[in-house]
Amino acid sequence: MSLKIQDLTLTVEGVSYLDGVSANFERGKLATVIGRTLAGKTTLMRGIAGLQHLDRGALTLDAQDFSTLPAWRRDIAMVYQQFINYPHLNVFENVAFPLRRRGLDETVVDRRVRVVLDKVGLTGFEARRPHQLSGGQQQRVALARALAREAGILLLDEPLVNLDYKLREQMRSEFRGLLADQEETIVIYNTTDPVEAMLLGDTVVVMHESRVLQIGTPAEVFDRPASTQVASVVNDPPMNFIQGRKGETDIELVGGVRINLPWHLSDLAMGDYWFGIRANELRVGGTSLTSQVTFSEVSGSETFLYVDSTAGSMTLQVQGVHIHDLDSKVGIGIPAERLFVFDTSDNKSLVAAPATGAQL
């Protein structure tokens, strides 16, 4: 059984927040909704939760309409970006609060609270107040409170976005375990982070500017993006796109650069296309393009290189720490076998690069 949303639409003062959004979310599965800021992800969650009036659309849970139910009657728990905890209550009471509001027996309350606190690693912290906890621990309290409700739908709106990098990495790796026994729960997880979306999701819903662009498994969305926009959203840095023409034996990119025709494009009709390639698949020191460095950034064990080339502006993601002076010249190699092809008229995907099985 599942949560089915159909044609959810919301426009406020001429601005579209949801534009005919439809999707299906299954019980026992974790669906990640990925999109940039203002894609419509939070509005979608608020609409599901009954916190946002919608212009039109249908919501059915296990084939039963619940779009007319008030928010307080919907079997939904939600975790927000911010650490929403009651500052005057200790950890135990924060988690127990919604259970007591529902009038559950105190024995049931005590059991549920202790079980979820153990699950999120907060056993022994029951008597602490939120101000005595780290940011990650406060977010765990908010998650524990949602899990303790045992709601049919769990909505997670970028729950890790405000944590520092190391803590975010740690909690991301733990999230699957925290939700492992939610077989009867529909879990929807909003994120702007492609790595998070691919690692956590059984299903990935790609949104952009109030619309759903593609729905599929992580492998389907990553290996076969439906359009240039999807390819930009699910790759960080966004995929590079170069205009070019496919000839009989080669590809001529804008600027006159020619590369040998790869085997996976041999059946592609001759003509003009967008050719896409991921930032981590371009090679520094190659001979395909000549470029000039406009910005260089070292992030941990990787270097991000931004260049202007004979084929346009491009971004490279290189393993290791590499120092490049501003305005210095850099050769770039384009592995033709890693090229994606998109239609120039509607930006739809025509040919995907062969899947490598590589993980984000």
Protein backbone atom coordinates (compact mmCIF):
# COMPACT_ATOMS: atom_id res chain seq x y z
CA MET A 1 0.00 0.00 0.00
CA SER A 2 1.12 3.56 -0.50
CA LEU A 3 0.66 7.31 -0.40
CA LYS A 4 -0.39 8.56 -3.81
CA ILE A 5 -0.29 12.24 -4.71
CA GLN A 6 -1.79 13.49 -7.96
CA ASP A 7 -1.56 16.88 -9.63
CA LEU A 8 -0.72 18.87 -6.48
CA THR A 9 -0.74 22.51 -7.52
CA LEU A 10 -0.22 25.77 -5.65
CA THR A 11 0.23 29.27 -7.06
CA VAL A 12 0.50 32.33 -4.81
CA GLU A 13 0.44 35.83 -6.31
CA GLY A 14 1.54 34.49 -9.67
CA VAL A 15 4.41 32.42 -8.24
CA SER A 16 4.20 28.65 -8.74
CA TYR A 17 5.13 26.59 -5.67
CA LEU A 18 3.82 23.25 -6.94
CA ASP A 19 3.00 22.60 -10.58
CA GLY A 20 1.05 19.37 -11.14
CA VAL A 21 3.21 17.29 -8.81
CA SER A 22 2.43 13.56 -8.86
CA ALA A 23 4.28 10.68 -7.18
CA ASN A 24 3.77 7.41 -5.36
CA PHE A 25 5.41 6.67 -1.99
CA GLU A 26 5.43 3.07 -0.71
CA ARG A 27 5.35 1.76 2.84
CA GLY A 28 8.66 0.43 4.11
CA LYS A 29 10.59 2.43 1.51
CA LEU A 30 12.62 5.61 1.93
CA ALA A 31 11.98 8.14 -0.81
CA THR A 32 14.38 11.04 -1.16
CA VAL A 33 13.14 14.24 -2.80
CA ILE A 34 16.09 16.17 -4.22
CA GLY A 35 16.02 19.69 -5.57
CA ARG A 36 17.68 23.03 -5.14
CA THR A 37 16.32 25.74 -2.88
CA LEU A 38 12.83 26.82 -4.01
CA ALA A 39 12.28 23.58 -5.93
CA GLY A 40 9.03 23.02 -3.99
CA LYS A 41 10.21 20.27 -1.64
CA THR A 42 9.05 21.85 1.64
CA THR A 43 5.76 22.99 0.10
CA LEU A 44 5.18 19.39 -1.00
CA MET A 45 5.71 18.13 2.55
CA ARG A 46 3.49 20.83 4.04
CA GLY A 47 0.77 19.91 1.57
CA ILE A 48 1.00 16.23 2.52
CA ALA A 49 0.92 17.14 6.22
CA GLY A 50 -2.12 19.37 5.80
CA LEU A 51 -0.21 22.49 6.83
CA GLN A 52 -0.53 24.13 3.42
CA HIS A 53 -3.72 24.78 1.49
CA LEU A 54 -3.41 23.63 -2.13
CA ASP A 55 -5.21 24.96 -5.21
CA ARG A 56 -5.94 21.46 -6.43
CA GLY A 57 -4.74 17.87 -6.29
CA ALA A 58 -5.56 14.52 -4.70
CA LEU A 59 -3.99 12.73 -1.72
CA THR A 60 -4.81 9.09 -1.08
CA LEU A 61 -3.34 6.83 1.61
CA ASP A 62 -3.89 3.12 1.03
CA ALA A 63 -6.55 4.06 -1.53
CA GLN A 64 -8.43 6.22 0.98
CA ASP A 65 -8.80 9.97 0.37
CA PHE A 66 -7.31 12.02 3.20
CA SER A 67 -6.92 15.39 1.47
CA THR A 68 -9.87 16.80 3.44
CA LEU A 69 -8.60 15.66 6.85
CA PRO A 70 -7.30 18.45 9.11
CA ALA A 71 -3.60 18.31 9.93
CA TRP A 72 -4.17 17.07 13.49
CA ARG A 73 -6.03 14.00 12.22
CA ARG A 74 -3.39 12.92 9.72
CA ASP A 75 -1.13 10.12 10.94
CA ILE A 76 2.04 12.08 10.20
CA ALA A 77 5.25 12.94 12.06
CA MET A 78 7.60 15.62 10.73
CA VAL A 79 11.21 16.57 11.45
CA TYR A 80 12.30 20.04 10.34
CA GLN A 81 15.65 21.60 9.45
CA GLN A 82 15.81 23.47 12.73
CA PHE A 83 16.19 21.76 16.10
CA ILE A 84 12.61 22.09 17.30
CA ASN A 85 12.72 20.90 20.91
CA TYR A 86 10.99 22.22 24.01
CA PRO A 87 13.74 24.06 25.94
CA HIS A 88 12.02 23.67 29.34
CA LEU A 89 11.70 19.88 29.02
CA ASN A 90 14.46 17.30 29.38
CA VAL A 91 15.23 14.76 26.66
CA PHE A 92 12.84 12.12 28.01
CA GLU A 93 9.96 14.57 28.33
CA ASN A 94 10.62 16.05 24.86
CA VAL A 95 10.21 12.62 23.29
CA ALA A 96 7.29 11.65 25.53
CA PHE A 97 5.32 14.87 24.95
CA PRO A 98 3.33 13.87 21.81
CA LEU A 99 2.63 10.41 23.26
CA ARG A 100 1.15 11.86 26.41
CA ARG A 101 -0.89 14.30 24.32
CA ARG A 102 -2.48 11.27 22.67
CA GLY A 103 -3.38 9.84 26.07
CA LEU A 104 -1.24 6.72 25.86
CA ASP A 105 -0.73 4.63 28.97
CA GLU A 106 2.36 5.69 30.92
CA THR A 107 3.86 2.20 30.62
CA VAL A 108 3.61 2.42 26.82
CA VAL A 109 5.08 5.91 26.87
CA ASP A 110 8.04 4.83 28.97
CA ARG A 111 8.75 1.81 26.77
CA ARG A 112 8.56 3.71 23.48
CA VAL A 113 10.71 6.59 24.69
CA ARG A 114 13.46 4.34 26.01
CA VAL A 115 13.46 2.21 22.86
CA VAL A 116 13.85 5.17 20.49
CA LEU A 117 16.42 6.93 22.68
CA ASP A 118 18.51 3.78 22.56
CA LYS A 119 18.05 3.62 18.78
CA VAL A 120 19.32 7.17 18.28
CA GLY A 121 22.18 6.77 20.74
CA LEU A 122 20.82 8.95 23.56
CA THR A 123 20.50 6.42 26.36
CA GLY A 124 21.88 8.11 29.46
CA PHE A 125 20.87 11.58 28.27
CA GLU A 126 17.26 11.37 29.46
CA ALA A 127 17.60 14.05 32.15
CA ARG A 128 19.47 16.64 30.06
CA ARG A 129 17.86 19.78 28.70
CA PRO A 130 18.31 20.75 25.02
CA HIS A 131 20.83 23.51 25.85
CA GLN A 132 23.08 20.85 27.39
CA LEU A 133 23.25 18.92 24.11
CA SER A 134 25.30 19.32 20.95
CA GLY A 135 23.60 20.22 17.68
CA GLY A 136 23.66 16.61 16.53
CA GLN A 137 22.20 15.38 19.80
CA GLN A 138 19.41 17.96 19.59
CA GLN A 139 18.54 16.75 16.11
CA ARG A 140 18.52 13.17 17.42
CA VAL A 141 15.98 14.22 20.05
CA ALA A 142 13.73 15.66 17.33
CA LEU A 143 14.09 12.46 15.31
CA ALA A 144 13.41 10.30 18.38
CA ARG A 145 10.21 12.23 19.08
CA ALA A 146 9.02 11.57 15.51
CA LEU A 147 9.96 7.88 15.64
CA ALA A 148 8.25 7.37 19.01
CA ARG A 149 4.91 8.39 17.50
CA GLU A 150 5.06 5.36 15.16
CA ALA A 151 3.20 7.40 12.57
CA GLY A 152 2.19 6.00 9.23
CA ILE A 153 4.02 8.79 7.38
CA LEU A 154 7.38 10.25 8.44
CA LEU A 155 8.42 13.50 6.75
CA LEU A 156 12.06 14.60 7.09
CA ASP A 157 12.69 18.10 5.73
CA GLU A 158 16.49 18.40 5.29
CA PRO A 159 17.07 17.17 8.87
CA LEU A 160 20.86 17.23 8.60
CA VAL A 161 21.39 20.50 6.75
CA ASN A 162 22.28 22.54 9.85
CA LEU A 163 24.86 20.10 11.20
CA ASP A 164 28.58 20.52 10.68
CA TYR A 165 30.21 18.45 7.93
CA LYS A 166 31.62 15.64 10.06
CA LEU A 167 28.43 15.22 12.08
CA ARG A 168 26.35 15.25 8.93
CA GLU A 169 28.50 12.50 7.46
CA GLN A 170 28.15 10.43 10.64
CA MET A 171 24.37 10.79 10.89
CA ARG A 172 23.91 10.17 7.17
CA SER A 173 25.67 6.82 7.55
CA GLU A 174 23.49 5.98 10.56
CA PHE A 175 20.16 7.01 9.07
CA ARG A 176 19.44 3.76 7.27
CA GLY A 177 19.88 1.87 10.55
CA LEU A 178 17.66 4.28 12.45
CA LEU A 179 14.82 3.66 10.00
CA ALA A 180 15.47 -0.04 9.40
CA ASP A 181 12.42 -1.29 11.31
CA GLN A 182 9.91 1.17 9.80
CA GLU A 183 8.32 -1.47 7.52
CA GLU A 184 4.85 0.02 7.89
CA THR A 185 5.98 3.63 7.57
CA ILE A 186 6.16 5.81 4.47
CA VAL A 187 9.37 7.84 4.80
CA ILE A 188 9.97 10.94 2.65
CA TYR A 189 13.31 12.73 3.02
CA ASN A 190 13.98 16.17 1.49
CA THR A 191 17.53 17.14 0.56
CA THR A 192 19.57 19.42 -1.68
CA ASP A 193 22.55 17.04 -1.49
CA PRO A 194 22.93 14.52 -4.37
CA VAL A 195 25.10 12.21 -2.26
CA GLU A 196 22.46 12.12 0.48
CA ALA A 197 19.68 11.48 -2.04
CA MET A 198 21.49 8.60 -3.71
CA LEU A 199 22.83 6.93 -0.57
CA LEU A 200 19.59 7.03 1.42
CA GLY A 201 16.83 6.68 -1.13
CA ASP A 202 15.14 3.53 -2.37
CA THR A 203 13.38 5.92 -4.73
CA VAL A 204 14.60 9.36 -5.82
CA VAL A 205 12.18 12.13 -6.81
CA VAL A 206 13.91 14.97 -8.66
CA MET A 207 12.21 18.38 -8.36
CA HIS A 208 13.04 21.73 -9.92
CA GLU A 209 11.09 24.99 -9.91
CA SER A 210 7.90 23.42 -8.52
CA ARG A 211 7.82 20.43 -10.88
CA VAL A 212 8.81 16.77 -10.71
CA LEU A 213 11.33 16.06 -13.46
CA GLN A 214 12.10 12.38 -12.90
CA ILE A 215 11.33 9.54 -10.48
CA GLY A 216 13.39 6.35 -10.28
CA THR A 217 15.89 4.31 -8.34
CA PRO A 218 19.18 6.05 -7.47
CA ALA A 219 20.92 4.13 -10.28
CA GLU A 220 18.25 5.07 -12.83
CA VAL A 221 18.31 8.76 -11.97
CA PHE A 222 22.11 9.01 -11.73
CA ASP A 223 23.04 6.84 -14.71
CA ARG A 224 20.15 7.89 -16.99
CA PRO A 225 19.10 11.47 -16.17
CA ALA A 226 16.00 12.41 -18.16
CA SER A 227 17.21 15.91 -19.08
CA THR A 228 20.02 18.40 -18.72
CA GLN A 229 18.23 19.85 -15.68
CA VAL A 230 18.07 16.47 -13.94
CA ALA A 231 21.73 15.89 -14.73
CA SER A 232 22.55 19.26 -13.14
CA VAL A 233 20.50 18.63 -9.99
CA VAL A 234 21.76 15.10 -9.25
CA ASN A 235 25.43 15.91 -9.78
CA ASP A 236 27.54 18.05 -7.47
CA PRO A 237 29.17 19.98 -9.07
CA PRO A 238 26.51 20.12 -11.81
CA MET A 239 27.27 18.26 -15.03
CA ASN A 240 29.16 20.25 -17.69
CA PHE A 241 27.34 20.80 -21.01
CA ILE A 242 29.08 21.55 -24.29
CA GLN A 243 27.44 22.28 -27.61
CA GLY A 244 28.71 20.20 -30.48
CA ARG A 245 27.95 18.32 -33.66
CA LYS A 246 28.12 14.59 -34.30
CA GLY A 247 29.74 13.76 -37.60
CA GLU A 248 30.45 10.46 -39.33
CA THR A 249 33.65 9.68 -37.46
CA ASP A 250 34.04 12.33 -34.79
CA ILE A 251 32.41 14.96 -32.61
CA GLU A 252 33.17 18.63 -33.23
CA LEU A 253 32.67 20.71 -30.12
CA VAL A 254 32.00 24.45 -30.14
CA GLY A 255 35.30 26.22 -30.67
CA GLY A 256 36.44 23.74 -33.31
CA VAL A 257 37.72 20.99 -30.98
CA ARG A 258 37.33 17.49 -32.43
CA ILE A 259 37.31 14.22 -30.50
CA ASN A 260 37.04 10.68 -31.81
CA LEU A 261 33.55 9.20 -31.92
CA PRO A 262 33.01 6.82 -28.96
CA TRP A 263 31.35 3.47 -29.59
CA HIS A 264 28.22 4.22 -27.57
CA LEU A 265 27.38 7.13 -29.90
CA SER A 266 27.95 5.27 -33.17
CA ASP A 267 24.19 4.94 -33.84
CA LEU A 268 23.43 8.56 -33.00
CA ALA A 269 22.15 10.50 -36.01
CA MET A 270 24.43 13.22 -37.31
CA GLY A 271 23.45 16.65 -36.05
CA ASP A 272 23.77 19.23 -33.29
CA TYR A 273 23.50 18.22 -29.63
CA TRP A 274 24.36 19.10 -26.06
CA PHE A 275 27.17 16.84 -24.85
CA GLY A 276 27.34 16.36 -21.08
CA ILE A 277 30.20 15.19 -18.90
CA ARG A 278 30.60 15.05 -15.13
CA ALA A 279 33.14 17.27 -13.40
CA ASN A 280 34.95 14.29 -11.88
CA GLU A 281 35.42 12.64 -15.28
CA LEU A 282 37.29 15.48 -16.97
CA ARG A 283 41.06 15.12 -16.85
CA VAL A 284 43.57 17.85 -16.05
CA GLY A 285 46.54 17.81 -18.38
CA GLY A 286 44.73 16.40 -21.40
CA THR A 287 44.86 17.74 -24.93
CA SER A 288 41.17 17.98 -25.86
CA LEU A 289 40.73 21.59 -24.71
CA THR A 290 42.87 24.55 -23.72
CA SER A 291 41.53 26.48 -20.74
CA GLN A 292 42.30 29.32 -18.37
CA VAL A 293 41.79 28.98 -14.60
CA THR A 294 39.20 31.42 -13.21
CA PHE A 295 39.00 29.94 -9.70
CA SER A 296 40.57 27.07 -7.78
CA GLU A 297 39.23 25.66 -4.52
CA VAL A 298 40.64 22.89 -2.32
CA SER A 299 37.94 21.05 -0.35
CA GLY A 300 39.32 18.31 1.87
CA SER A 301 41.03 15.77 -0.36
CA GLU A 302 39.60 17.21 -3.59
CA THR A 303 40.30 20.22 -5.77
CA PHE A 304 37.54 22.04 -7.66
CA LEU A 305 38.82 23.84 -10.72
CA TYR A 306 36.73 26.41 -12.59
CA VAL A 307 37.95 27.29 -16.06
CA ASP A 308 37.09 29.15 -19.25
CA SER A 309 37.87 26.93 -22.21
CA THR A 310 37.53 27.03 -25.96
CA ALA A 311 34.26 25.12 -25.43
CA GLY A 312 32.91 27.43 -22.70
CA SER A 313 33.03 27.58 -18.90
CA MET A 314 33.60 24.25 -17.17
CA THR A 315 34.11 22.76 -13.71
CA LEU A 316 36.55 19.97 -12.87
CA GLN A 317 36.60 17.87 -9.71
CA VAL A 318 40.06 16.40 -9.17
CA GLN A 319 41.17 13.97 -6.49
CA GLY A 320 44.00 15.30 -4.33
CA VAL A 321 45.23 18.77 -3.47
CA HIS A 322 46.40 20.71 -6.52
CA ILE A 323 47.44 24.36 -6.63
CA HIS A 324 46.57 26.31 -9.77
CA ASP A 325 47.29 30.02 -10.11
CA LEU A 326 44.54 32.33 -11.30
CA ASP A 327 44.65 32.82 -15.10
CA SER A 328 47.10 29.94 -15.53
CA LYS A 329 46.69 27.69 -18.58
CA VAL A 330 45.44 24.14 -18.13
CA GLY A 331 44.90 21.40 -20.68
CA ILE A 332 41.72 19.36 -20.30
CA GLY A 333 41.11 15.81 -21.47
CA ILE A 334 37.58 14.73 -22.37
CA PRO A 335 37.06 10.96 -22.21
CA ALA A 336 34.65 10.54 -25.11
CA GLU A 337 33.30 7.28 -23.71
CA ARG A 338 31.86 9.21 -20.74
CA LEU A 339 29.76 11.64 -22.79
CA PHE A 340 25.99 12.00 -22.37
CA VAL A 341 23.90 13.38 -25.22
CA PHE A 342 20.87 15.68 -24.92
CA ASP A 343 18.54 17.19 -27.49
CA THR A 344 19.19 20.90 -28.12
CA SER A 345 15.49 21.71 -28.64
CA ASP A 346 14.01 20.38 -25.38
CA ASN A 347 17.14 19.34 -23.39
CA LYS A 348 15.84 15.77 -23.11
CA SER A 349 18.26 12.86 -22.74
CA LEU A 350 19.05 10.93 -25.92
CA VAL A 351 22.04 8.76 -24.99
CA ALA A 352 23.57 8.06 -21.58
CA ALA A 353 27.20 7.27 -20.97
CA PRO A 354 27.72 3.60 -20.13
CA ALA A 355 27.11 2.94 -16.45
CA THR A 356 30.31 2.34 -14.50
CA GLY A 357 28.81 1.15 -11.22
CA ALA A 358 30.68 3.98 -9.49
CA GLN A 359 29.20 5.31 -6.28
CA LEU A 360 28.68 8.97 -5.48
